[in-house]
Amino acid sequence: MILGFDIGNTHICPIIYDNEGKIIQKFRIPSKTNLTEDTLFATLKTLCDFKKIDLKEINEVVYSSVVPHLNDIFNYLSKKYFNCEPYILNVSNIDDNLISFATATERNLGADRIATILAMKKYIKDRECIILDFGTATTFEVVRNGSYLGGAILPGIDLSINALFQNTAKLPKVTFEKPEAVLGNTTVTQINVGIYYSNIGAIKELINQYKNIYPNSYVVSTGGQGKVITEDLKDYIDEYKPNLCEEGIFEFYLYKKNK
């Protein structure tokens, strides 16, 4: 089995793959700055024991990280508990056979964005693809068969909620829920209405703008809040793929393993 990690700003997602890349199990734990390789392994072992997964069967580790100060912990974990050097997905480990960049495009994509592009190379080869990833930030990637054409970044739902809470004296921190009506009648429902429909509006406009350039493009969404929002964007988004980043991490591992 292969152990993967998607290391994000909010959560760390351990992923257990079989040797063919099928996801056996995945978990979510908070991205804590005081994490060590020992506490990480103890948490992982507890989760895997509960699911009857034997960590002794792990023989390779691969990770994608957008939190650089946590990377050493995963390097130590791989060597100490799995006796291997990890495969590290980042832009410096990407060659043109995996992703090529348009001439005027900055070669500085986050690892999570790279992973979603690698995954979509399996599915869409004959036309442009627009990838929406709903995470701490909502990101757009426009690609054509592994060639990165550009994209956009906007604040994610939870980030927007935290910004309102932290920068206003009286607005509460809310747990996001899809609003039942567009006219909120409490502070909490009004925040949810504003956050939800501002995201919906921004996403529609960006898709429209990209479709003006690439009218035949295929639109796919992924990420934590993606399923909820995709339900209201069926005329704009062709498909929701919940495990796109995880699939891309394995595609990177496979490429590096066989290189």
Protein backbone atom coordinates (compact mmCIF):
# COMPACT_ATOMS: atom_id res chain seq x y z
CA MET A 1 0.00 0.00 0.00
CA ILE A 2 0.99 3.62 -0.50
CA LEU A 3 0.44 6.36 2.06
CA GLY A 4 -0.37 9.80 0.69
CA PHE A 5 -0.92 13.14 2.38
CA ASP A 6 -2.73 16.22 1.14
CA ILE A 7 -1.37 18.89 3.50
CA GLY A 8 -3.58 21.98 3.44
CA ASN A 9 -3.92 25.15 5.45
CA THR A 10 -6.96 23.88 7.35
CA HIS A 11 -6.66 20.09 7.25
CA ILE A 12 -4.16 17.31 6.64
CA CYS A 13 -5.74 14.46 4.71
CA PRO A 14 -3.96 11.08 5.01
CA ILE A 15 -4.85 8.80 2.09
CA ILE A 16 -4.33 5.03 1.91
CA TYR A 17 -3.98 3.74 -1.66
CA ASP A 18 -3.62 0.23 -2.95
CA ASN A 19 -0.80 -0.36 -5.45
CA GLU A 20 -3.08 0.47 -8.39
CA GLY A 21 -4.11 3.83 -6.94
CA LYS A 22 -7.53 2.90 -5.61
CA ILE A 23 -8.31 4.93 -2.49
CA ILE A 24 -8.85 2.45 0.33
CA GLN A 25 -9.47 5.09 2.97
CA LYS A 26 -8.88 8.76 3.66
CA PHE A 27 -9.05 10.80 6.83
CA ARG A 28 -8.98 14.45 7.90
CA ILE A 29 -7.02 15.88 10.83
CA PRO A 30 -6.38 19.55 11.71
CA SER A 31 -3.24 21.25 10.37
CA LYS A 32 -1.56 21.95 13.71
CA THR A 33 1.69 23.86 13.96
CA ASN A 34 2.74 21.85 17.06
CA LEU A 35 2.46 18.51 15.25
CA THR A 36 5.44 16.11 15.41
CA GLU A 37 6.19 12.97 13.42
CA ASP A 38 5.42 10.90 16.54
CA THR A 39 2.03 12.48 17.26
CA LEU A 40 1.19 12.28 13.56
CA PHE A 41 2.01 8.57 13.47
CA ALA A 42 0.04 7.92 16.68
CA THR A 43 -3.00 9.68 15.22
CA LEU A 44 -2.66 7.86 11.92
CA LYS A 45 -2.28 4.47 13.63
CA THR A 46 -5.40 5.07 15.73
CA LEU A 47 -7.43 5.97 12.65
CA CYS A 48 -6.11 3.02 10.64
CA ASP A 49 -6.59 0.53 13.47
CA PHE A 50 -10.23 1.61 13.67
CA LYS A 51 -10.61 0.84 9.95
CA LYS A 52 -8.56 -2.40 10.27
CA ILE A 53 -5.75 -1.10 8.05
CA ASP A 54 -2.29 -2.44 8.88
CA LEU A 55 0.31 0.32 8.56
CA LYS A 56 3.04 -2.32 8.28
CA GLU A 57 1.83 -2.85 4.71
CA ILE A 58 2.80 0.72 3.75
CA ASN A 59 5.96 0.72 1.64
CA GLU A 60 5.93 4.18 0.01
CA VAL A 61 4.95 7.71 1.06
CA VAL A 62 3.97 10.64 -1.17
CA TYR A 63 2.72 14.03 -0.12
CA SER A 64 1.44 17.30 -1.49
CA SER A 65 1.85 20.35 0.75
CA VAL A 66 0.89 24.02 0.70
CA VAL A 67 2.20 24.48 4.27
CA PRO A 68 6.02 24.45 3.94
CA HIS A 69 6.78 24.63 7.67
CA LEU A 70 5.07 21.24 8.14
CA ASN A 71 7.06 19.45 5.44
CA ASP A 72 9.94 18.31 7.66
CA ILE A 73 7.48 16.45 9.89
CA PHE A 74 6.39 14.30 6.94
CA ASN A 75 9.98 13.75 5.87
CA TYR A 76 10.85 12.56 9.40
CA LEU A 77 7.69 10.41 9.54
CA SER A 78 8.55 8.67 6.26
CA LYS A 79 12.09 7.81 7.33
CA LYS A 80 11.38 6.95 10.96
CA TYR A 81 8.21 4.88 10.64
CA PHE A 82 8.15 3.70 7.02
CA ASN A 83 11.87 3.50 6.24
CA CYS A 84 11.58 5.40 2.96
CA GLU A 85 12.22 8.75 1.35
CA PRO A 86 8.93 10.43 0.50
CA TYR A 87 7.93 11.57 -2.96
CA ILE A 88 7.22 15.30 -2.63
CA LEU A 89 4.78 16.93 -5.02
CA ASN A 90 5.74 20.55 -5.63
CA VAL A 91 6.39 22.76 -8.62
CA SER A 92 10.15 22.16 -8.54
CA ASN A 93 9.54 18.40 -8.98
CA ILE A 94 7.32 18.88 -12.03
CA ASP A 95 8.72 18.52 -15.55
CA ASP A 96 7.06 19.33 -18.86
CA ASN A 97 5.90 15.74 -19.30
CA LEU A 98 3.60 16.29 -16.34
CA ILE A 99 2.60 19.95 -16.71
CA SER A 100 3.78 22.55 -19.17
CA PHE A 101 3.25 26.26 -18.65
CA ALA A 102 2.18 28.87 -21.16
CA THR A 103 5.05 31.24 -21.91
CA ALA A 104 3.63 34.24 -20.03
CA THR A 105 2.42 32.20 -17.04
CA GLU A 106 4.26 32.23 -13.71
CA ARG A 107 5.59 28.79 -12.85
CA ASN A 108 4.52 28.94 -9.22
CA LEU A 109 1.44 26.76 -8.70
CA GLY A 110 0.60 25.33 -5.29
CA ALA A 111 0.93 21.58 -4.89
CA ASP A 112 -2.82 21.08 -4.50
CA ARG A 113 -3.47 22.87 -7.78
CA ILE A 114 -0.83 20.78 -9.54
CA ALA A 115 -2.48 17.61 -8.22
CA THR A 116 -5.90 18.46 -9.64
CA ILE A 117 -4.37 19.20 -13.04
CA LEU A 118 -2.50 15.87 -13.05
CA ALA A 119 -5.71 14.02 -12.21
CA MET A 120 -7.71 15.69 -14.97
CA LYS A 121 -5.11 14.70 -17.58
CA LYS A 122 -6.55 11.18 -17.28
CA TYR A 123 -10.06 12.29 -18.10
CA ILE A 124 -9.97 15.20 -20.56
CA LYS A 125 -7.45 15.22 -23.40
CA ASP A 126 -9.18 16.65 -26.43
CA ARG A 127 -10.34 20.06 -25.19
CA GLU A 128 -9.80 22.70 -22.52
CA CYS A 129 -10.81 21.97 -18.94
CA ILE A 130 -11.75 24.43 -16.19
CA ILE A 131 -11.05 23.04 -12.71
CA LEU A 132 -12.64 24.61 -9.62
CA ASP A 133 -11.21 23.54 -6.26
CA PHE A 134 -13.19 24.63 -3.22
CA GLY A 135 -10.70 24.76 -0.35
CA THR A 136 -9.46 27.45 2.02
CA ALA A 137 -9.24 29.46 -1.19
CA THR A 138 -11.33 28.72 -4.26
CA THR A 139 -9.02 28.23 -7.22
CA PHE A 140 -9.60 28.04 -10.96
CA GLU A 141 -7.25 26.28 -13.36
CA VAL A 142 -7.67 26.40 -17.11
CA VAL A 143 -5.72 23.57 -18.77
CA ARG A 144 -5.43 21.75 -22.05
CA ASN A 145 -4.00 18.22 -21.85
CA GLY A 146 -1.59 19.10 -19.05
CA SER A 147 -0.71 22.55 -20.39
CA TYR A 148 -1.51 25.22 -17.81
CA LEU A 149 -3.13 28.26 -19.44
CA GLY A 150 -3.91 30.36 -16.34
CA GLY A 151 -6.54 30.70 -13.65
CA ALA A 152 -7.83 32.66 -10.68
CA ILE A 153 -7.88 32.64 -6.88
CA LEU A 154 -10.66 33.95 -4.65
CA PRO A 155 -11.37 33.60 -0.92
CA GLY A 156 -13.07 30.36 0.03
CA ILE A 157 -16.29 30.20 2.02
CA ASP A 158 -14.70 29.54 5.42
CA LEU A 159 -12.01 32.16 4.78
CA SER A 160 -14.68 34.75 3.98
CA ILE A 161 -16.60 33.87 7.15
CA ASN A 162 -13.43 34.18 9.26
CA ALA A 163 -12.59 37.55 7.67
CA LEU A 164 -16.01 38.94 8.63
CA PHE A 165 -15.69 37.63 12.19
CA GLN A 166 -12.13 38.85 12.75
CA ASN A 167 -12.57 42.31 11.26
CA THR A 168 -15.95 43.36 12.66
CA ALA A 169 -16.87 44.03 16.27
CA LYS A 170 -20.38 42.56 16.35
CA LEU A 171 -20.67 39.97 13.61
CA PRO A 172 -20.52 36.39 14.97
CA LYS A 173 -18.47 33.54 13.57
CA VAL A 174 -20.97 31.24 11.90
CA THR A 175 -20.93 27.66 10.69
CA PHE A 176 -21.67 27.79 7.00
CA GLU A 177 -25.00 26.37 5.89
CA LYS A 178 -26.59 26.66 2.48
CA PRO A 179 -29.30 29.34 2.90
CA GLU A 180 -32.91 28.30 2.50
CA ALA A 181 -33.97 31.74 1.24
CA VAL A 182 -32.23 34.72 -0.31
CA LEU A 183 -33.74 37.12 2.26
CA GLY A 184 -31.98 36.41 5.55
CA ASN A 185 -33.96 37.31 8.67
CA THR A 186 -31.18 36.96 11.27
CA THR A 187 -27.54 38.05 11.32
CA VAL A 188 -26.42 34.45 10.91
CA THR A 189 -28.69 33.72 7.94
CA GLN A 190 -27.73 37.03 6.32
CA ILE A 191 -24.05 36.15 6.56
CA ASN A 192 -24.72 32.75 4.99
CA VAL A 193 -26.77 34.38 2.20
CA GLY A 194 -24.06 36.94 1.48
CA ILE A 195 -21.22 34.41 1.51
CA TYR A 196 -23.07 31.82 -0.53
CA TYR A 197 -24.45 34.01 -3.28
CA SER A 198 -21.34 36.15 -3.61
CA ASN A 199 -19.43 32.92 -4.28
CA ILE A 200 -22.10 31.70 -6.69
CA GLY A 201 -22.01 35.00 -8.57
CA ALA A 202 -18.21 35.14 -8.78
CA ILE A 203 -17.98 31.55 -9.98
CA LYS A 204 -20.63 32.05 -12.67
CA GLU A 205 -18.88 35.17 -13.96
CA LEU A 206 -15.44 33.58 -14.07
CA ILE A 207 -16.78 30.50 -15.88
CA ASN A 208 -18.56 32.78 -18.37
CA GLN A 209 -15.35 34.74 -18.97
CA TYR A 210 -13.30 31.59 -19.54
CA LYS A 211 -16.00 30.11 -21.79
CA ASN A 212 -15.83 33.27 -23.92
CA ILE A 213 -12.23 32.28 -24.65
CA TYR A 214 -12.67 28.48 -24.68
CA PRO A 215 -16.35 27.82 -25.48
CA ASN A 216 -15.97 24.03 -25.61
CA SER A 217 -14.23 23.69 -22.26
CA TYR A 218 -15.28 21.04 -19.74
CA VAL A 219 -15.94 22.35 -16.22
CA VAL A 220 -15.25 20.16 -13.19
CA SER A 221 -15.38 20.99 -9.47
CA THR A 222 -13.78 19.39 -6.43
CA GLY A 223 -13.00 20.19 -2.79
CA GLY A 224 -14.78 20.38 0.53
CA GLN A 225 -17.57 22.87 -0.25
CA GLY A 226 -17.69 21.90 -3.91
CA LYS A 227 -20.60 19.47 -3.74
CA VAL A 228 -22.95 21.97 -2.06
CA ILE A 229 -22.22 24.78 -4.51
CA THR A 230 -22.16 22.53 -7.58
CA GLU A 231 -25.79 21.62 -6.93
CA ASP A 232 -26.77 25.24 -7.70
CA LEU A 233 -24.44 25.52 -10.68
CA LYS A 234 -25.57 22.57 -12.78
CA ASP A 235 -25.85 24.80 -15.85
CA TYR A 236 -22.22 25.87 -15.40
CA ILE A 237 -20.37 22.86 -13.95
CA ASP A 238 -20.36 19.58 -15.85
CA GLU A 239 -19.20 17.28 -13.05
CA TYR A 240 -18.19 17.13 -9.38
CA LYS A 241 -15.20 14.88 -8.62
CA PRO A 242 -14.64 14.65 -4.85
CA ASN A 243 -11.21 12.95 -4.94
CA LEU A 244 -9.49 14.90 -7.69
CA CYS A 245 -6.55 16.08 -5.57
CA GLU A 246 -6.02 12.62 -4.09
CA GLU A 247 -6.04 11.07 -7.57
CA GLY A 248 -3.48 13.62 -8.74
CA ILE A 249 -1.15 12.88 -5.84
CA PHE A 250 -1.12 9.23 -6.87
CA GLU A 251 -0.56 10.15 -10.53
CA PHE A 252 2.52 12.12 -9.46
CA TYR A 253 3.77 9.17 -7.38
CA LEU A 254 3.25 6.78 -10.29
CA TYR A 255 5.14 9.02 -12.70
CA LYS A 256 8.09 9.50 -10.35
CA LYS A 257 8.16 5.82 -9.38
CA ASN A 258 8.34 4.68 -12.99
CA LYS A 259 10.63 7.40 -14.27
